[in-house]
Amino acid sequence: MSVAAATAAGYLGRRAAQKERVRILYRRALKDTLNWAVHRHLFYEDADLLRARFETSKHVEDPDTIDRMIADGEAQYNKWRHPDPYIVPWAPGGSKFTRNPTPPEGIEIVYNYGREDND
C-alpha cells in the first residue's frame, strides 16, 4: 500500500468517525430539546433552530476545525442538558418500570377464570 493510499484511508476513516460523532451529538441534542419544550409547537421551533446551527457548519472541510467544533458542541450539550429528562414510564428508570413484578414460583395465574373446563 502506498503512502498516498494510507493517508487517504486515514483521512476517510477520520471523516467517517467525525460524521458519526456529529450524528450522535445531533440526535442527543434533539432528544434533549424535547425535554425542555413543554408543547410540540415549541419543540418544532427549537428543533428548527438546532438544525440551522448544524447546517451552518455543514461545509467545513478542515478535520482539525471539525474536531474542535465537535468538542465545543459536546461541551455545550453537556452544559445545557436537562437536569430531569423525561423517561417513558415503562422504560428502565420510569415510574412504572417493574411496578408489577413477576409472581413468585408456585403461584399460577389463571387467565380463563370462570370459564374453566368442568371436568
C-alpha atoms as a PDB file:
ATOM      1  CA  MET A   1       0.000   0.000   0.000  1.00  0.00           C
ATOM      2  CA  SER A   2       1.431   3.348  -0.958  1.00  0.00           C
ATOM      3  CA  VAL A   3       1.822   6.312   1.370  1.00  0.00           C
ATOM      4  CA  ALA A   4      -0.815   8.285  -0.510  1.00  0.00           C
ATOM      5  CA  ALA A   5      -3.328   5.454  -0.205  1.00  0.00           C
ATOM      6  CA  ALA A   6      -2.615   5.083   3.514  1.00  0.00           C
ATOM      7  CA  THR A   7      -3.029   8.824   4.011  1.00  0.00           C
ATOM      8  CA  ALA A   8      -6.298   8.824   2.076  1.00  0.00           C
ATOM      9  CA  ALA A   9      -7.573   5.851   4.048  1.00  0.00           C
ATOM     10  CA  GLY A  10      -6.665   7.566   7.319  1.00  0.00           C
ATOM     11  CA  TYR A  11      -8.393  10.756   6.202  1.00  0.00           C
ATOM     12  CA  LEU A  12     -11.542   8.885   5.173  1.00  0.00           C
ATOM     13  CA  GLY A  13     -11.578   6.939   8.437  1.00  0.00           C
ATOM     14  CA  ARG A  14     -11.259  10.153  10.431  1.00  0.00           C
ATOM     15  CA  ARG A  15     -14.043  11.819   8.448  1.00  0.00           C
ATOM     16  CA  ALA A  16     -16.312   8.795   8.981  1.00  0.00           C
ATOM     17  CA  ALA A  17     -15.684   8.963  12.736  1.00  0.00           C
ATOM     18  CA  GLN A  18     -16.434  12.697  12.705  1.00  0.00           C
ATOM     19  CA  LYS A  19     -19.692  12.170  10.833  1.00  0.00           C
ATOM     20  CA  GLU A  20     -20.724   9.559  13.380  1.00  0.00           C
ATOM     21  CA  ARG A  21     -19.910  11.870  16.306  1.00  0.00           C
ATOM     22  CA  VAL A  22     -21.900  14.707  14.699  1.00  0.00           C
ATOM     23  CA  ARG A  23     -24.855  12.401  14.066  1.00  0.00           C
ATOM     24  CA  ILE A  24     -24.827  11.188  17.683  1.00  0.00           C
ATOM     25  CA  LEU A  25     -24.485  14.738  19.010  1.00  0.00           C
ATOM     26  CA  TYR A  26     -27.389  15.948  16.865  1.00  0.00           C
ATOM     27  CA  ARG A  27     -29.666  13.106  17.942  1.00  0.00           C
ATOM     28  CA  ARG A  28     -28.858  13.563  21.633  1.00  0.00           C
ATOM     29  CA  ALA A  29     -29.383  17.331  21.386  1.00  0.00           C
ATOM     30  CA  LEU A  30     -32.672  16.852  19.534  1.00  0.00           C
ATOM     31  CA  LYS A  31     -33.955  14.399  22.145  1.00  0.00           C
ATOM     32  CA  ASP A  32     -32.870  16.754  24.912  1.00  0.00           C
ATOM     33  CA  THR A  33     -34.689  19.623  23.175  1.00  0.00           C
ATOM     34  CA  LEU A  34     -37.856  17.581  23.589  1.00  0.00           C
ATOM     35  CA  ASN A  35     -37.205  17.522  27.351  1.00  0.00           C
ATOM     36  CA  TRP A  36     -37.053  21.323  27.506  1.00  0.00           C
ATOM     37  CA  ALA A  37     -40.104  22.000  25.313  1.00  0.00           C
ATOM     38  CA  VAL A  38     -43.440  21.589  27.042  1.00  0.00           C
ATOM     39  CA  HIS A  39     -45.570  21.697  23.886  1.00  0.00           C
ATOM     40  CA  ARG A  40     -44.900  20.333  20.413  1.00  0.00           C
ATOM     41  CA  HIS A  41     -45.143  23.717  18.696  1.00  0.00           C
ATOM     42  CA  LEU A  42     -42.339  24.955  20.954  1.00  0.00           C
ATOM     43  CA  PHE A  43     -40.309  21.845  20.241  1.00  0.00           C
ATOM     44  CA  TYR A  44     -40.630  22.316  16.477  1.00  0.00           C
ATOM     45  CA  GLU A  45     -39.259  25.871  16.725  1.00  0.00           C
ATOM     46  CA  ASP A  46     -36.347  24.752  18.900  1.00  0.00           C
ATOM     47  CA  ALA A  47     -35.651  21.778  16.617  1.00  0.00           C
ATOM     48  CA  ASP A  48     -35.519  24.105  13.592  1.00  0.00           C
ATOM     49  CA  LEU A  49     -33.028  26.366  15.394  1.00  0.00           C
ATOM     50  CA  LEU A  50     -30.909  23.359  16.347  1.00  0.00           C
ATOM     51  CA  ARG A  51     -30.915  22.077  12.770  1.00  0.00           C
ATOM     52  CA  ALA A  52     -29.937  25.526  11.495  1.00  0.00           C
ATOM     53  CA  ARG A  53     -26.970  25.587  13.893  1.00  0.00           C
ATOM     54  CA  PHE A  54     -25.751  22.264  12.493  1.00  0.00           C
ATOM     55  CA  GLU A  55     -26.390  23.303   8.895  1.00  0.00           C
ATOM     56  CA  THR A  56     -24.244  26.454   9.198  1.00  0.00           C
ATOM     57  CA  SER A  57     -21.167  24.286   9.793  1.00  0.00           C
ATOM     58  CA  LYS A  58     -22.009  21.693   7.191  1.00  0.00           C
ATOM     59  CA  HIS A  59     -19.441  22.845   4.615  1.00  0.00           C
ATOM     60  CA  VAL A  60     -16.343  22.999   6.862  1.00  0.00           C
ATOM     61  CA  GLU A  61     -13.621  20.772   5.390  1.00  0.00           C
ATOM     62  CA  ASP A  62     -10.625  21.056   7.755  1.00  0.00           C
ATOM     63  CA  PRO A  63     -10.533  17.950  10.016  1.00  0.00           C
ATOM     64  CA  ASP A  64      -8.914  19.795  12.932  1.00  0.00           C
ATOM     65  CA  THR A  65     -11.553  22.536  12.808  1.00  0.00           C
ATOM     66  CA  ILE A  66     -14.277  19.894  12.669  1.00  0.00           C
ATOM     67  CA  ASP A  67     -12.820  18.099  15.711  1.00  0.00           C
ATOM     68  CA  ARG A  68     -12.696  21.398  17.621  1.00  0.00           C
ATOM     69  CA  MET A  69     -16.289  22.229  16.643  1.00  0.00           C
ATOM     70  CA  ILE A  70     -17.494  18.775  17.720  1.00  0.00           C
ATOM     71  CA  ALA A  71     -15.712  19.101  21.077  1.00  0.00           C
ATOM     72  CA  ASP A  72     -17.266  22.555  21.586  1.00  0.00           C
ATOM     73  CA  GLY A  73     -20.695  21.204  20.671  1.00  0.00           C
ATOM     74  CA  GLU A  74     -20.395  18.265  23.057  1.00  0.00           C
ATOM     75  CA  ALA A  75     -19.241  20.577  25.864  1.00  0.00           C
ATOM     76  CA  GLN A  76     -22.162  22.901  25.220  1.00  0.00           C
ATOM     77  CA  TYR A  77     -24.573  19.960  25.126  1.00  0.00           C
ATOM     78  CA  ASN A  78     -23.270  18.657  28.460  1.00  0.00           C
ATOM     79  CA  LYS A  79     -23.536  22.132  29.958  1.00  0.00           C
ATOM     80  CA  TRP A  80     -27.177  22.640  28.914  1.00  0.00           C
ATOM     81  CA  ARG A  81     -28.511  19.090  29.347  1.00  0.00           C
ATOM     82  CA  HIS A  82     -31.863  18.863  31.084  1.00  0.00           C
ATOM     83  CA  PRO A  83     -31.416  18.033  34.796  1.00  0.00           C
ATOM     84  CA  ASP A  84     -34.553  15.892  34.940  1.00  0.00           C
ATOM     85  CA  PRO A  85     -35.119  14.348  31.486  1.00  0.00           C
ATOM     86  CA  TYR A  86     -38.415  12.764  30.551  1.00  0.00           C
ATOM     87  CA  ILE A  87     -38.347   8.984  30.769  1.00  0.00           C
ATOM     88  CA  VAL A  88     -41.131   6.892  29.285  1.00  0.00           C
ATOM     89  CA  PRO A  89     -42.955   5.388  32.306  1.00  0.00           C
ATOM     90  CA  TRP A  90     -42.484   1.743  31.331  1.00  0.00           C
ATOM     91  CA  ALA A  91     -38.796   2.143  30.343  1.00  0.00           C
ATOM     92  CA  PRO A  92     -35.958   1.448  32.805  1.00  0.00           C
ATOM     93  CA  GLY A  93     -35.890   4.387  35.196  1.00  0.00           C
ATOM     94  CA  GLY A  94     -39.534   5.234  34.509  1.00  0.00           C
ATOM     95  CA  SER A  95     -42.211   5.439  37.175  1.00  0.00           C
ATOM     96  CA  LYS A  96     -43.998   2.251  36.074  1.00  0.00           C
ATOM     97  CA  PHE A  97     -40.933   0.111  35.386  1.00  0.00           C
ATOM     98  CA  THR A  98     -41.318  -3.220  37.222  1.00  0.00           C
ATOM     99  CA  ARG A  99     -44.323  -1.911  39.102  1.00  0.00           C
ATOM    100  CA  ASN A 100     -45.947  -5.306  38.768  1.00  0.00           C
ATOM    101  CA  PRO A 101     -43.114  -7.752  39.341  1.00  0.00           C
ATOM    102  CA  THR A 102     -43.407 -11.344  38.233  1.00  0.00           C
ATOM    103  CA  PRO A 103     -45.217 -13.558  40.742  1.00  0.00           C
ATOM    104  CA  PRO A 104     -43.156 -15.884  42.936  1.00  0.00           C
ATOM    105  CA  GLU A 105     -42.564 -19.503  41.984  1.00  0.00           C
ATOM    106  CA  GLY A 106     -45.519 -21.785  42.631  1.00  0.00           C
ATOM    107  CA  ILE A 107     -48.195 -19.148  42.031  1.00  0.00           C
ATOM    108  CA  GLU A 108     -50.150 -19.703  38.879  1.00  0.00           C
ATOM    109  CA  ILE A 109     -52.189 -17.095  37.017  1.00  0.00           C
ATOM    110  CA  VAL A 110     -55.491 -18.367  35.655  1.00  0.00           C
ATOM    111  CA  TYR A 111     -56.417 -16.344  32.574  1.00  0.00           C
ATOM    112  CA  ASN A 112     -59.702 -18.060  31.856  1.00  0.00           C
ATOM    113  CA  TYR A 113     -61.157 -17.660  35.333  1.00  0.00           C
ATOM    114  CA  GLY A 114     -64.826 -18.587  35.364  1.00  0.00           C
ATOM    115  CA  ARG A 115     -64.573 -20.338  32.014  1.00  0.00           C
ATOM    116  CA  GLU A 116     -62.581 -23.359  33.112  1.00  0.00           C
ATOM    117  CA  ASP A 117     -63.450 -26.779  31.791  1.00  0.00           C
ATOM    118  CA  ASN A 118     -65.643 -28.514  34.313  1.00  0.00           C
ATOM    119  CA  ASP A 119     -64.145 -31.983  34.257  1.00  0.00           C
END
